[in-house]
C-alpha atoms as a PDB file:
ATOM      1  CA  UNK A   1     102.400 131.523  41.753  1.00  0.00           C
ATOM      2  CA  UNK A   2     102.076 134.772  39.819  1.00  0.00           C
ATOM      3  CA  UNK A   3     104.740 137.477  39.927  1.00  0.00           C
ATOM      4  CA  UNK A   4     102.287 139.876  41.614  1.00  0.00           C
ATOM      5  CA  UNK A   5     101.636 137.374  44.398  1.00  0.00           C
ATOM      6  CA  UNK A   6     105.378 136.968  44.959  1.00  0.00           C
ATOM      7  CA  UNK A   7     105.760 140.756  45.246  1.00  0.00           C
ATOM      8  CA  UNK A   8     102.799 140.935  47.654  1.00  0.00           C
ATOM      9  CA  UNK A   9     104.293 138.266  49.932  1.00  0.00           C
ATOM     10  CA  UNK A  10     107.647 140.074  49.914  1.00  0.00           C
ATOM     11  CA  UNK A  11     106.021 143.400  50.840  1.00  0.00           C
ATOM     12  CA  UNK A  12     104.130 141.783  53.730  1.00  0.00           C
ATOM     13  CA  UNK A  13     107.332 140.131  54.978  1.00  0.00           C
ATOM     14  CA  UNK A  14     109.558 143.161  54.344  1.00  0.00           C
ATOM     15  CA  UNK A  15     109.531 144.521  57.928  1.00  0.00           C
ATOM     16  CA  UNK A  16     110.771 141.159  59.202  1.00  0.00           C
ATOM     17  CA  UNK A  17     113.684 141.170  56.783  1.00  0.00           C
ATOM     18  CA  UNK A  18     114.543 144.742  57.727  1.00  0.00           C
ATOM     19  CA  UNK A  19     114.514 143.902  61.446  1.00  0.00           C
ATOM     20  CA  UNK A  20     117.332 141.447  60.793  1.00  0.00           C
ATOM     21  CA  UNK A  21     119.366 143.917  58.770  1.00  0.00           C
ATOM     22  CA  UNK A  22     119.206 147.188  60.679  1.00  0.00           C
ATOM     23  CA  UNK A  23     121.316 147.797  63.763  1.00  0.00           C
ATOM     24  CA  UNK A  24     121.741 151.565  63.993  1.00  0.00           C
ATOM     25  CA  UNK A  25     124.902 152.356  65.927  1.00  0.00           C
ATOM     26  CA  UNK A  26     126.401 148.894  65.379  1.00  0.00           C
ATOM     27  CA  UNK A  27     129.696 148.387  63.598  1.00  0.00           C
ATOM     28  CA  UNK A  28     129.801 145.225  61.498  1.00  0.00           C
ATOM     29  CA  UNK A  29     133.087 143.394  62.010  1.00  0.00           C
ATOM     30  CA  UNK A  30     134.757 140.699  59.947  1.00  0.00           C
ATOM     31  CA  UNK A  31     137.966 138.702  60.014  1.00  0.00           C
ATOM     32  CA  UNK A  32     139.968 141.494  58.351  1.00  0.00           C
ATOM     33  CA  UNK A  33     139.109 144.408  60.624  1.00  0.00           C
ATOM     34  CA  UNK A  34     138.281 142.725  63.948  1.00  0.00           C
ATOM     35  CA  UNK A  35     141.671 143.259  65.606  1.00  0.00           C
ATOM     36  CA  UNK A  36     142.097 146.721  64.088  1.00  0.00           C
ATOM     37  CA  UNK A  37     138.867 147.902  65.715  1.00  0.00           C
ATOM     38  CA  UNK A  38     139.794 146.369  69.062  1.00  0.00           C
ATOM     39  CA  UNK A  39     142.966 148.454  69.188  1.00  0.00           C
ATOM     40  CA  UNK A  40     141.067 151.710  68.551  1.00  0.00           C
ATOM     41  CA  UNK A  41     138.616 151.506  71.454  1.00  0.00           C
ATOM     42  CA  UNK A  42     139.131 150.687  75.128  1.00  0.00           C
ATOM     43  CA  UNK A  43     135.726 148.970  75.306  1.00  0.00           C
ATOM     44  CA  UNK A  44     134.314 146.851  72.482  1.00  0.00           C
ATOM     45  CA  UNK A  45     131.073 144.902  72.831  1.00  0.00           C
ATOM     46  CA  UNK A  46     130.667 142.184  70.201  1.00  0.00           C
ATOM     47  CA  UNK A  47     127.576 140.124  69.411  1.00  0.00           C
ATOM     48  CA  UNK A  48     128.398 136.980  67.457  1.00  0.00           C
ATOM     49  CA  UNK A  49     125.213 135.941  65.697  1.00  0.00           C
ATOM     50  CA  UNK A  50     123.748 134.482  62.543  1.00  0.00           C
ATOM     51  CA  UNK A  51     124.449 136.487  59.384  1.00  0.00           C
ATOM     52  CA  UNK A  52     121.002 138.124  59.358  1.00  0.00           C
ATOM     53  CA  UNK A  53     119.780 138.277  62.967  1.00  0.00           C
ATOM     54  CA  UNK A  54     116.194 139.108  63.843  1.00  0.00           C
ATOM     55  CA  UNK A  55     113.771 138.951  66.735  1.00  0.00           C
ATOM     56  CA  UNK A  56     113.253 140.681  70.056  1.00  0.00           C
ATOM     57  CA  UNK A  57     116.757 140.118  71.457  1.00  0.00           C
ATOM     58  CA  UNK A  58     118.410 141.517  68.340  1.00  0.00           C
ATOM     59  CA  UNK A  59     116.075 144.518  68.492  1.00  0.00           C
ATOM     60  CA  UNK A  60     117.096 145.113  72.119  1.00  0.00           C
ATOM     61  CA  UNK A  61     120.780 144.914  71.184  1.00  0.00           C
ATOM     62  CA  UNK A  62     120.176 147.417  68.377  1.00  0.00           C
ATOM     63  CA  UNK A  63     118.400 149.799  70.789  1.00  0.00           C
ATOM     64  CA  UNK A  64     121.367 149.584  73.152  1.00  0.00           C
ATOM     65  CA  UNK A  65     123.827 150.249  70.319  1.00  0.00           C
ATOM     66  CA  UNK A  66     121.841 153.324  69.279  1.00  0.00           C
ATOM     67  CA  UNK A  67     121.776 154.552  72.888  1.00  0.00           C
ATOM     68  CA  UNK A  68     125.557 154.208  73.249  1.00  0.00           C
ATOM     69  CA  UNK A  69     126.104 155.964  69.916  1.00  0.00           C
ATOM     70  CA  UNK A  70     123.803 158.853  70.837  1.00  0.00           C
ATOM     71  CA  UNK A  71     125.602 159.379  74.148  1.00  0.00           C
ATOM     72  CA  UNK A  72     128.916 159.748  72.300  1.00  0.00           C
ATOM     73  CA  UNK A  73     130.996 157.416  74.446  1.00  0.00           C
ATOM     74  CA  UNK A  74     134.233 157.977  72.532  1.00  0.00           C
ATOM     75  CA  UNK A  75     136.000 155.025  74.125  1.00  0.00           C
ATOM     76  CA  UNK A  76     133.320 152.426  73.344  1.00  0.00           C
ATOM     77  CA  UNK A  77     131.897 150.756  70.250  1.00  0.00           C
ATOM     78  CA  UNK A  78     129.039 148.259  69.906  1.00  0.00           C
ATOM     79  CA  UNK A  79     129.521 145.745  67.113  1.00  0.00           C
ATOM     80  CA  UNK A  80     128.218 142.596  65.456  1.00  0.00           C
ATOM     81  CA  UNK A  81     129.879 139.631  63.776  1.00  0.00           C
ATOM     82  CA  UNK A  82     127.651 137.728  61.366  1.00  0.00           C
ATOM     83  CA  UNK A  83     128.529 134.043  61.088  1.00  0.00           C
ATOM     84  CA  UNK A  84     127.563 131.650  58.319  1.00  0.00           C
ATOM     85  CA  UNK A  85     127.987 127.898  58.678  1.00  0.00           C
ATOM     86  CA  UNK A  86     127.124 127.395  55.016  1.00  0.00           C
ATOM     87  CA  UNK A  87     128.221 128.731  51.637  1.00  0.00           C
ATOM     88  CA  UNK A  88     131.296 130.944  52.004  1.00  0.00           C
ATOM     89  CA  UNK A  89     131.422 130.303  55.792  1.00  0.00           C
ATOM     90  CA  UNK A  90     131.598 134.020  56.554  1.00  0.00           C
ATOM     91  CA  UNK A  91     133.619 134.782  59.706  1.00  0.00           C
ATOM     92  CA  UNK A  92     134.072 131.094  60.513  1.00  0.00           C
ATOM     93  CA  UNK A  93     137.679 131.870  61.486  1.00  0.00           C
ATOM     94  CA  UNK A  94     136.453 134.281  64.171  1.00  0.00           C
ATOM     95  CA  UNK A  95     133.882 131.737  65.332  1.00  0.00           C
ATOM     96  CA  UNK A  96     136.597 129.127  65.793  1.00  0.00           C
ATOM     97  CA  UNK A  97     139.023 131.591  67.352  1.00  0.00           C
ATOM     98  CA  UNK A  98     136.564 132.584  70.080  1.00  0.00           C
ATOM     99  CA  UNK A  99     134.969 129.156  70.517  1.00  0.00           C
ATOM    100  CA  UNK A 100     131.568 130.255  69.240  1.00  0.00           C
ATOM    101  CA  UNK A 101     129.252 127.250  69.199  1.00  0.00           C
ATOM    102  CA  UNK A 102     125.810 126.895  67.653  1.00  0.00           C
ATOM    103  CA  UNK A 103     124.170 128.612  70.634  1.00  0.00           C
ATOM    104  CA  UNK A 104     123.873 132.014  69.045  1.00  0.00           C
ATOM    105  CA  UNK A 105     123.873 134.841  69.843  1.00  0.00           C
ATOM    106  CA  UNK A 106     126.976 135.063  72.042  1.00  0.00           C
ATOM    107  CA  UNK A 107     128.022 138.457  73.414  1.00  0.00           C
ATOM    108  CA  UNK A 108     131.577 139.190  74.504  1.00  0.00           C
ATOM    109  CA  UNK A 109     133.198 142.276  75.993  1.00  0.00           C
ATOM    110  CA  UNK A 110     136.790 143.154  75.072  1.00  0.00           C
ATOM    111  CA  UNK A 111     138.829 145.777  76.906  1.00  0.00           C
ATOM    112  CA  UNK A 112     141.986 147.756  76.237  1.00  0.00           C
ATOM    113  CA  UNK A 113     142.590 146.284  72.793  1.00  0.00           C
ATOM    114  CA  UNK A 114     143.290 142.803  74.168  1.00  0.00           C
ATOM    115  CA  UNK A 115     141.764 140.125  71.935  1.00  0.00           C
ATOM    116  CA  UNK A 116     143.122 137.308  74.105  1.00  0.00           C
ATOM    117  CA  UNK A 117     140.919 138.197  77.054  1.00  0.00           C
ATOM    118  CA  UNK A 118     137.180 138.798  77.158  1.00  0.00           C
ATOM    119  CA  UNK A 119     134.156 138.663  79.437  1.00  0.00           C
ATOM    120  CA  UNK A 120     131.019 136.771  78.441  1.00  0.00           C
ATOM    121  CA  UNK A 121     127.544 138.199  78.771  1.00  0.00           C
ATOM    122  CA  UNK A 122     125.721 135.491  80.781  1.00  0.00           C
ATOM    123  CA  UNK A 123     123.857 132.981  78.645  1.00  0.00           C
ATOM    124  CA  UNK A 124     121.127 132.702  81.284  1.00  0.00           C
ATOM    125  CA  UNK A 125     120.264 136.414  80.991  1.00  0.00           C
ATOM    126  CA  UNK A 126     117.935 137.789  78.362  1.00  0.00           C
ATOM    127  CA  UNK A 127     119.493 140.293  75.984  1.00  0.00           C
ATOM    128  CA  UNK A 128     117.725 143.489  76.989  1.00  0.00           C
ATOM    129  CA  UNK A 129     118.772 147.126  77.030  1.00  0.00           C
ATOM    130  CA  UNK A 130     118.576 147.038  80.827  1.00  0.00           C
ATOM    131  CA  UNK A 131     120.773 143.949  81.201  1.00  0.00           C
ATOM    132  CA  UNK A 132     123.314 145.249  78.681  1.00  0.00           C
ATOM    133  CA  UNK A 133     123.532 148.564  80.523  1.00  0.00           C
ATOM    134  CA  UNK A 134     124.221 146.789  83.787  1.00  0.00           C
ATOM    135  CA  UNK A 135     126.775 144.470  82.166  1.00  0.00           C
ATOM    136  CA  UNK A 136     128.765 147.353  80.675  1.00  0.00           C
ATOM    137  CA  UNK A 137     128.405 149.462  83.791  1.00  0.00           C
ATOM    138  CA  UNK A 138     129.840 146.728  86.006  1.00  0.00           C
ATOM    139  CA  UNK A 139     132.497 145.347  83.690  1.00  0.00           C
ATOM    140  CA  UNK A 140     134.013 148.438  82.081  1.00  0.00           C
ATOM    141  CA  UNK A 141     135.077 152.009  82.747  1.00  0.00           C
ATOM    142  CA  UNK A 142     132.245 153.401  80.618  1.00  0.00           C
ATOM    143  CA  UNK A 143     130.219 155.723  82.859  1.00  0.00           C
ATOM    144  CA  UNK A 144     126.670 154.663  82.116  1.00  0.00           C
ATOM    145  CA  UNK A 145     124.206 156.217  84.548  1.00  0.00           C
ATOM    146  CA  UNK A 146     121.159 153.975  84.683  1.00  0.00           C
ATOM    147  CA  UNK A 147     117.619 155.387  84.743  1.00  0.00           C
ATOM    148  CA  UNK A 148     116.703 157.030  88.060  1.00  0.00           C
ATOM    149  CA  UNK A 149     120.188 156.531  89.484  1.00  0.00           C
ATOM    150  CA  UNK A 150     122.346 159.343  90.848  1.00  0.00           C
ATOM    151  CA  UNK A 151     125.824 159.821  89.373  1.00  0.00           C
ATOM    152  CA  UNK A 152     127.283 161.231  92.585  1.00  0.00           C
ATOM    153  CA  UNK A 153     126.061 158.213  94.557  1.00  0.00           C
ATOM    154  CA  UNK A 154     127.215 155.846  91.808  1.00  0.00           C
ATOM    155  CA  UNK A 155     130.674 157.285  92.460  1.00  0.00           C
ATOM    156  CA  UNK A 156     130.258 156.784  96.218  1.00  0.00           C
ATOM    157  CA  UNK A 157     129.231 153.166  95.586  1.00  0.00           C
ATOM    158  CA  UNK A 158     132.309 152.471  93.462  1.00  0.00           C
ATOM    159  CA  UNK A 159     134.634 154.084  96.023  1.00  0.00           C
ATOM    160  CA  UNK A 160     132.920 152.123  98.789  1.00  0.00           C
ATOM    161  CA  UNK A 161     133.359 148.752  97.084  1.00  0.00           C
ATOM    162  CA  UNK A 162     137.005 149.527  96.292  1.00  0.00           C
ATOM    163  CA  UNK A 163     137.857 150.005  99.982  1.00  0.00           C
ATOM    164  CA  UNK A 164     135.434 147.636 101.731  1.00  0.00           C
ATOM    165  CA  UNK A 165     137.315 144.626 100.378  1.00  0.00           C
ATOM    166  CA  UNK A 166     140.285 145.640 102.513  1.00  0.00           C
ATOM    167  CA  UNK A 167     138.182 146.202 105.658  1.00  0.00           C
ATOM    168  CA  UNK A 168     139.256 149.819 105.524  1.00  0.00           C
ATOM    169  CA  UNK A 169     137.943 152.451 107.908  1.00  0.00           C
ATOM    170  CA  UNK A 170     137.570 154.550 104.778  1.00  0.00           C
ATOM    171  CA  UNK A 171     134.386 152.617 103.955  1.00  0.00           C
ATOM    172  CA  UNK A 172     132.604 154.078 106.984  1.00  0.00           C
ATOM    173  CA  UNK A 173     133.916 157.525 106.106  1.00  0.00           C
ATOM    174  CA  UNK A 174     132.403 157.197 102.625  1.00  0.00           C
ATOM    175  CA  UNK A 175     129.055 156.198 104.151  1.00  0.00           C
ATOM    176  CA  UNK A 176     129.175 159.248 106.425  1.00  0.00           C
ATOM    177  CA  UNK A 177     130.015 161.555 103.515  1.00  0.00           C
ATOM    178  CA  UNK A 178     127.246 160.069 101.374  1.00  0.00           C
ATOM    179  CA  UNK A 179     124.803 160.440 104.279  1.00  0.00           C
ATOM    180  CA  UNK A 180     125.663 164.125 104.568  1.00  0.00           C
ATOM    181  CA  UNK A 181     125.190 164.644 100.832  1.00  0.00           C
ATOM    182  CA  UNK A 182     121.851 162.813 100.906  1.00  0.00           C
ATOM    183  CA  UNK A 183     120.636 165.246 103.553  1.00  0.00           C
ATOM    184  CA  UNK A 184     121.263 168.138 101.154  1.00  0.00           C
ATOM    185  CA  UNK A 185     119.023 166.744  98.418  1.00  0.00           C
ATOM    186  CA  UNK A 186     115.789 168.655  97.935  1.00  0.00           C
ATOM    187  CA  UNK A 187     114.035 166.453  95.387  1.00  0.00           C
ATOM    188  CA  UNK A 188     111.926 163.822  97.170  1.00  0.00           C
ATOM    189  CA  UNK A 189     112.570 161.063  94.630  1.00  0.00           C
ATOM    190  CA  UNK A 190     116.330 161.699  94.742  1.00  0.00           C
ATOM    191  CA  UNK A 191     116.188 161.552  98.552  1.00  0.00           C
ATOM    192  CA  UNK A 192     114.512 158.131  98.427  1.00  0.00           C
ATOM    193  CA  UNK A 193     117.002 156.928  95.823  1.00  0.00           C
ATOM    194  CA  UNK A 194     119.962 158.088  97.926  1.00  0.00           C
ATOM    195  CA  UNK A 195     118.555 156.171 100.908  1.00  0.00           C
ATOM    196  CA  UNK A 196     118.650 152.947  98.869  1.00  0.00           C
ATOM    197  CA  UNK A 197     122.357 153.499  98.121  1.00  0.00           C
ATOM    198  CA  UNK A 198     122.965 154.081 101.836  1.00  0.00           C
ATOM    199  CA  UNK A 199     120.944 151.006 102.812  1.00  0.00           C
ATOM    200  CA  UNK A 200     123.064 148.829 100.538  1.00  0.00           C
ATOM    201  CA  UNK A 201     126.276 150.312 101.946  1.00  0.00           C
ATOM    202  CA  UNK A 202     125.199 149.592 105.523  1.00  0.00           C
ATOM    203  CA  UNK A 203     124.139 146.061 104.616  1.00  0.00           C
ATOM    204  CA  UNK A 204     127.535 145.438 103.029  1.00  0.00           C
ATOM    205  CA  UNK A 205     129.280 146.802 106.133  1.00  0.00           C
ATOM    206  CA  UNK A 206     127.244 144.398 108.232  1.00  0.00           C
ATOM    207  CA  UNK A 207     127.249 141.311 105.991  1.00  0.00           C
ATOM    208  CA  UNK A 208     130.428 141.734 103.896  1.00  0.00           C
ATOM    209  CA  UNK A 209     130.896 142.145 100.145  1.00  0.00           C
ATOM    210  CA  UNK A 210     129.045 138.878  99.422  1.00  0.00           C
ATOM    211  CA  UNK A 211     125.792 140.688 100.204  1.00  0.00           C
ATOM    212  CA  UNK A 212     125.929 142.169  96.687  1.00  0.00           C
ATOM    213  CA  UNK A 213     125.563 138.847  94.885  1.00  0.00           C
ATOM    214  CA  UNK A 214     123.024 137.482  97.373  1.00  0.00           C
ATOM    215  CA  UNK A 215     120.854 140.589  97.143  1.00  0.00           C
ATOM    216  CA  UNK A 216     121.024 140.606  93.355  1.00  0.00           C
ATOM    217  CA  UNK A 217     119.864 136.973  93.290  1.00  0.00           C
ATOM    218  CA  UNK A 218     117.029 137.750  95.715  1.00  0.00           C
ATOM    219  CA  UNK A 219     115.807 140.704  93.672  1.00  0.00           C
ATOM    220  CA  UNK A 220     116.047 138.757  90.402  1.00  0.00           C
ATOM    221  CA  UNK A 221     113.922 135.968  91.907  1.00  0.00           C
ATOM    222  CA  UNK A 222     111.265 138.492  92.869  1.00  0.00           C
ATOM    223  CA  UNK A 223     111.439 139.972  89.383  1.00  0.00           C
ATOM    224  CA  UNK A 224     110.953 136.550  87.803  1.00  0.00           C
ATOM    225  CA  UNK A 225     107.766 135.967  89.773  1.00  0.00           C
ATOM    226  CA  UNK A 226     104.260 137.289  89.284  1.00  0.00           C
ATOM    227  CA  UNK A 227     104.351 140.879  90.523  1.00  0.00           C
ATOM    228  CA  UNK A 228     102.558 144.102  89.712  1.00  0.00           C
ATOM    229  CA  UNK A 229     104.007 146.620  87.277  1.00  0.00           C
ATOM    230  CA  UNK A 230     104.605 149.011  90.153  1.00  0.00           C
ATOM    231  CA  UNK A 231     106.541 146.371  92.102  1.00  0.00           C
ATOM    232  CA  UNK A 232     108.509 145.459  88.976  1.00  0.00           C
ATOM    233  CA  UNK A 233     109.496 149.107  88.548  1.00  0.00           C
ATOM    234  CA  UNK A 234     110.608 149.250  92.193  1.00  0.00           C
ATOM    235  CA  UNK A 235     112.741 146.088  91.902  1.00  0.00           C
ATOM    236  CA  UNK A 236     114.359 147.259  88.657  1.00  0.00           C
ATOM    237  CA  UNK A 237     115.188 150.548  90.368  1.00  0.00           C
ATOM    238  CA  UNK A 238     116.940 148.681  93.184  1.00  0.00           C
ATOM    239  CA  UNK A 239     118.807 146.438  90.728  1.00  0.00           C
ATOM    240  CA  UNK A 240     120.020 149.488  88.828  1.00  0.00           C
ATOM    241  CA  UNK A 241     121.357 150.999  92.042  1.00  0.00           C
ATOM    242  CA  UNK A 242     122.870 147.697  93.155  1.00  0.00           C
ATOM    243  CA  UNK A 243     124.801 147.429  89.898  1.00  0.00           C
ATOM    244  CA  UNK A 244     126.784 150.513  90.971  1.00  0.00           C
ATOM    245  CA  UNK A 245     128.325 148.263  93.634  1.00  0.00           C
ATOM    246  CA  UNK A 246     129.937 146.296  90.865  1.00  0.00           C
ATOM    247  CA  UNK A 247     131.689 143.034  91.603  1.00  0.00           C
ATOM    248  CA  UNK A 248     133.536 141.882  88.433  1.00  0.00           C
ATOM    249  CA  UNK A 249     133.791 138.249  89.554  1.00  0.00           C
ATOM    250  CA  UNK A 250     130.046 137.932  88.899  1.00  0.00           C
ATOM    251  CA  UNK A 251     130.974 137.340  85.239  1.00  0.00           C
ATOM    252  CA  UNK A 252     133.198 134.790  83.559  1.00  0.00           C
ATOM    253  CA  UNK A 253     136.402 136.127  82.012  1.00  0.00           C
ATOM    254  CA  UNK A 254     138.264 134.016  79.456  1.00  0.00           C
ATOM    255  CA  UNK A 255     141.840 133.984  78.275  1.00  0.00           C
ATOM    256  CA  UNK A 256     142.864 132.729  74.863  1.00  0.00           C
ATOM    257  CA  UNK A 257     146.557 132.324  74.190  1.00  0.00           C
ATOM    258  CA  UNK A 258     146.914 132.907  70.465  1.00  0.00           C
END
């Protein structure tokens, strides 16, 4: 094969190589700086992956990293750890330390500088910007407001979940306050959105906190079926709102005594 042909093939393939190299907003971690970074941020999201990741899921992770960086969340960093199981075995110590198997990528969330405790991003969920937003929103203190959600009602949802677990009368008081605030909204779309928050609160009052997981499963099943784009948008909107009623036990948290 001539030199010119080699160059031509490289130029055609170049975008695919670049996709695996660029992750704007990501911090690349290795065995030397991993723990140092964890102590500097209260929330650290880490994707353990092959040394040069590529493909749709990596692109989605990169989009999420860029989004977090652009919003200037000072207490959070999105990072990657590239692992090689050949040659110099780059970051193999980290792979062994956190029980990273060959099923890459694996995403883990670390909080408050504690490297002995982390929460896994579910393996059965696709790595998308939407799913990563919901994961961080429910499992950390980072205040991510999802598209078409209302920050004030996100706060009501969090307060509601905090007190409903103790069967507190305060839960009904929060619903009443949220109802009054919803009545003050002038924007029609915001009014409809607020009513979804209120519907979920009333359902939880009636059916208990377990409604959250059951409703999320129901909506995900609808989303996985054959539905119109308009219906898909509606279901995603409801899932975004439902994620404000976060229930941390939905995810698996691990402890590693080092």
